[in-house]
Protein backbone atom coordinates (compact mmCIF):
# COMPACT_ATOMS: atom_id res chain seq x y z
CA UNK A 1 -0.33 0.12 -0.18
CA UNK A 2 1.37 3.60 -0.95
CA UNK A 3 0.22 6.69 0.81
CA UNK A 4 -1.45 8.56 -2.54
CA UNK A 5 -2.37 12.13 -3.24
CA UNK A 6 -5.64 12.31 -5.20
CA UNK A 7 -6.44 15.82 -6.87
CA UNK A 8 -10.10 15.85 -8.45
CA UNK A 9 -10.67 19.17 -10.86
CA UNK A 10 -13.38 19.61 -13.15
CA UNK A 11 -16.99 21.98 -13.78
CA UNK A 12 -19.31 21.18 -11.04
CA UNK A 13 -22.41 18.89 -10.65
CA UNK A 14 -24.30 16.75 -8.37
CA UNK A 15 -22.39 13.30 -7.52
CA UNK A 16 -19.10 14.30 -8.27
CA UNK A 17 -18.01 13.72 -4.75
CA UNK A 18 -20.00 10.48 -4.66
CA UNK A 19 -18.57 9.60 -8.02
CA UNK A 20 -15.04 9.78 -6.88
CA UNK A 21 -15.03 8.38 -3.64
CA UNK A 22 -17.15 5.46 -4.82
CA UNK A 23 -14.79 4.58 -7.21
CA UNK A 24 -11.74 4.78 -4.29
CA UNK A 25 -13.76 2.58 -2.19
CA UNK A 26 -14.10 0.29 -4.31
CA UNK A 27 -10.47 -0.29 -4.27
CA UNK A 28 -10.17 -0.25 -0.44
CA UNK A 29 -8.98 2.81 -0.26
CA UNK A 30 -10.37 4.59 3.35
CA UNK A 31 -9.72 8.63 3.15
CA UNK A 32 -7.42 10.08 5.11
CA UNK A 33 -7.27 13.73 4.81
CA UNK A 34 -9.14 15.28 2.59
CA UNK A 35 -10.30 19.18 1.12
CA UNK A 36 -13.33 19.93 -1.35
CA UNK A 37 -14.68 23.05 -2.50
CA UNK A 38 -15.58 24.98 -5.16
CA UNK A 39 -14.28 27.51 -6.94
CA UNK A 40 -15.88 29.66 -9.69
CA UNK A 41 -17.98 27.05 -10.49
CA UNK A 42 -15.37 24.24 -10.49
CA UNK A 43 -15.04 21.34 -8.30
CA UNK A 44 -11.73 21.44 -6.85
CA UNK A 45 -10.91 17.96 -4.75
CA UNK A 46 -7.79 16.89 -2.91
CA UNK A 47 -7.44 13.50 -1.02
CA UNK A 48 -4.78 12.01 0.92
CA UNK A 49 -5.35 8.06 1.41
CA UNK A 50 -3.38 4.85 1.37
CA UNK A 51 -3.79 1.80 -1.13
CA UNK A 52 -2.86 0.43 -4.65
CA UNK A 53 -1.57 2.96 -7.03
CA UNK A 54 -2.27 0.89 -10.11
CA UNK A 55 -6.37 0.16 -8.97
CA UNK A 56 -6.91 3.72 -7.36
CA UNK A 57 -5.62 5.05 -11.52
CA UNK A 58 -8.10 2.57 -12.64
CA UNK A 59 -10.80 2.89 -10.74
CA UNK A 60 -11.08 7.21 -11.42
CA UNK A 61 -10.19 6.47 -15.03
CA UNK A 62 -13.90 6.41 -16.22
CA UNK A 63 -14.17 9.49 -14.56
CA UNK A 64 -11.58 11.36 -16.90
CA UNK A 65 -12.23 13.60 -19.75
CA UNK A 66 -15.30 15.59 -17.60
CA UNK A 67 -12.70 15.65 -14.48
CA UNK A 68 -9.08 16.09 -14.53
CA UNK A 69 -7.64 13.71 -11.93
CA UNK A 70 -4.43 13.45 -11.11
CA UNK A 71 -2.81 10.05 -8.50
CA UNK A 72 0.57 9.94 -7.36
CA UNK A 73 2.32 8.54 -4.97
CA UNK A 74 3.58 10.36 -2.07
CA UNK A 75 6.72 10.36 -0.10
CA UNK A 76 7.47 9.17 3.47
CA UNK A 77 4.59 11.51 5.71
CA UNK A 78 5.75 14.17 7.38
CA UNK A 79 4.11 15.43 10.27
CA UNK A 80 3.67 18.24 11.10
CA UNK A 81 4.79 19.54 14.46
CA UNK A 82 3.29 23.08 15.42
CA UNK A 83 5.42 25.61 15.51
CA UNK A 84 3.29 27.43 18.45
CA UNK A 85 -0.23 28.62 19.01
CA UNK A 86 -2.66 28.89 16.17
CA UNK A 87 -4.33 32.52 14.96
CA UNK A 88 -7.10 33.18 12.78
CA UNK A 89 -5.99 35.78 10.14
CA UNK A 90 -8.59 37.38 7.60
CA UNK A 91 -8.29 39.94 5.24
CA UNK A 92 -11.17 41.49 3.18
CA UNK A 93 -11.67 44.61 0.65
CA UNK A 94 -11.60 45.30 -2.52
CA UNK A 95 -9.89 43.02 -4.82
CA UNK A 96 -6.34 43.85 -6.50
CA UNK A 97 -3.70 41.44 -7.56
CA UNK A 98 -0.74 41.06 -4.94
CA UNK A 99 -2.80 40.79 -1.93
CA UNK A 100 -1.68 37.18 -0.85
CA UNK A 101 1.47 37.56 -1.54
CA UNK A 102 1.62 40.57 0.68
CA UNK A 103 0.05 39.14 3.47
CA UNK A 104 1.73 36.04 3.46
CA UNK A 105 4.89 37.18 3.23
CA UNK A 106 4.52 39.13 6.52
CA UNK A 107 3.30 35.70 8.57
CA UNK A 108 6.53 34.18 6.63
CA UNK A 109 8.85 37.02 7.88
CA UNK A 110 7.87 36.33 11.87
CA UNK A 111 8.31 32.59 11.10
CA UNK A 112 4.87 32.03 10.68
CA UNK A 113 3.10 28.55 8.56
CA UNK A 114 -0.10 29.09 6.90
CA UNK A 115 -1.85 25.87 7.99
CA UNK A 116 -5.32 26.66 5.63
CA UNK A 117 -5.86 29.47 3.43
CA UNK A 118 -9.00 30.26 1.49
CA UNK A 119 -9.56 33.01 -0.90
CA UNK A 120 -13.31 34.48 -2.23
CA UNK A 121 -14.63 36.95 -4.52
CA UNK A 122 -17.81 38.63 -3.55
CA UNK A 123 -18.63 41.23 -6.01
CA UNK A 124 -16.05 44.07 -5.65
CA UNK A 125 -15.11 42.50 -2.24
CA UNK A 126 -12.01 39.93 -1.62
CA UNK A 127 -11.91 38.20 1.62
CA UNK A 128 -8.79 35.53 2.61
CA UNK A 129 -9.57 33.49 6.06
CA UNK A 130 -6.46 31.68 6.89
CA UNK A 131 -5.17 29.76 9.66
CA UNK A 132 -1.77 30.52 11.19
CA UNK A 133 0.76 29.39 13.78
CA UNK A 134 3.01 31.80 14.68
CA UNK A 135 6.39 30.74 16.99
CA UNK A 136 6.15 31.67 20.26
CA UNK A 137 9.21 33.50 20.10
CA UNK A 138 7.59 36.08 17.46
CA UNK A 139 7.35 39.35 17.95
CA UNK A 140 3.37 39.71 18.31
CA UNK A 141 3.12 43.65 18.26
CA UNK A 142 6.05 43.94 15.16
CA UNK A 143 3.72 41.60 13.13
CA UNK A 144 0.13 43.26 14.09
CA UNK A 145 2.24 46.54 12.96
CA UNK A 146 3.45 45.14 9.63
CA UNK A 147 0.42 43.52 8.97
CA UNK A 148 -1.39 47.05 9.60
CA UNK A 149 1.59 48.42 7.16
CA UNK A 150 1.01 45.94 4.62
CA UNK A 151 -2.97 46.19 4.82
CA UNK A 152 -3.01 50.06 5.05
CA UNK A 153 -0.71 49.74 1.31
CA UNK A 154 -3.54 47.57 -0.13
CA UNK A 155 -6.31 49.51 0.88
CA UNK A 156 -7.86 46.45 2.64
CA UNK A 157 -8.54 45.56 6.44
CA UNK A 158 -6.62 42.62 8.10
CA UNK A 159 -7.25 41.27 11.42
CA UNK A 160 -5.25 38.49 13.39
CA UNK A 161 -6.39 36.98 16.40
CA UNK A 162 -6.04 33.89 18.63
CA UNK A 163 -8.13 31.20 17.34
CA UNK A 164 -10.51 29.39 19.71
CA UNK A 165 -10.80 25.95 19.82
CA UNK A 166 -14.06 26.00 17.68
CA UNK A 167 -12.37 27.57 15.03
CA UNK A 168 -10.10 24.76 13.83
């Protein structure tokens, strides 16, 4: 059994999740980690599972054409050891290029890591939400100020707050 990464992308329609997961169940695969979402009318899914590579590829073959599907063997699992407390980052404002790059650069500059990130464009409003981990040695006052300056330059609002257990 190999640890596999399966990605599925295509136009949304009812039943995609059922079709993909039923095909995987037939190979004896158990979903270990997954994320699934709609992006502008397109379905996107990533699954991490353990199973027989050739059988998984063959089981998903009938869904190709309509969907872009990749199956790849993953290397040894790298357990994510938290680097520090979890925070929730939110950014909102008028859409423009560079928001994600600038804000995530500030998190990285403080030694932080992003564990989950989503963006959504709703009309002219751009919204970014992320779960981040910040090392205990980071200077939070400096990071707050750096995010504030970056947000001002981008014309957006930004909030960084400690994550509550129900946020995660």
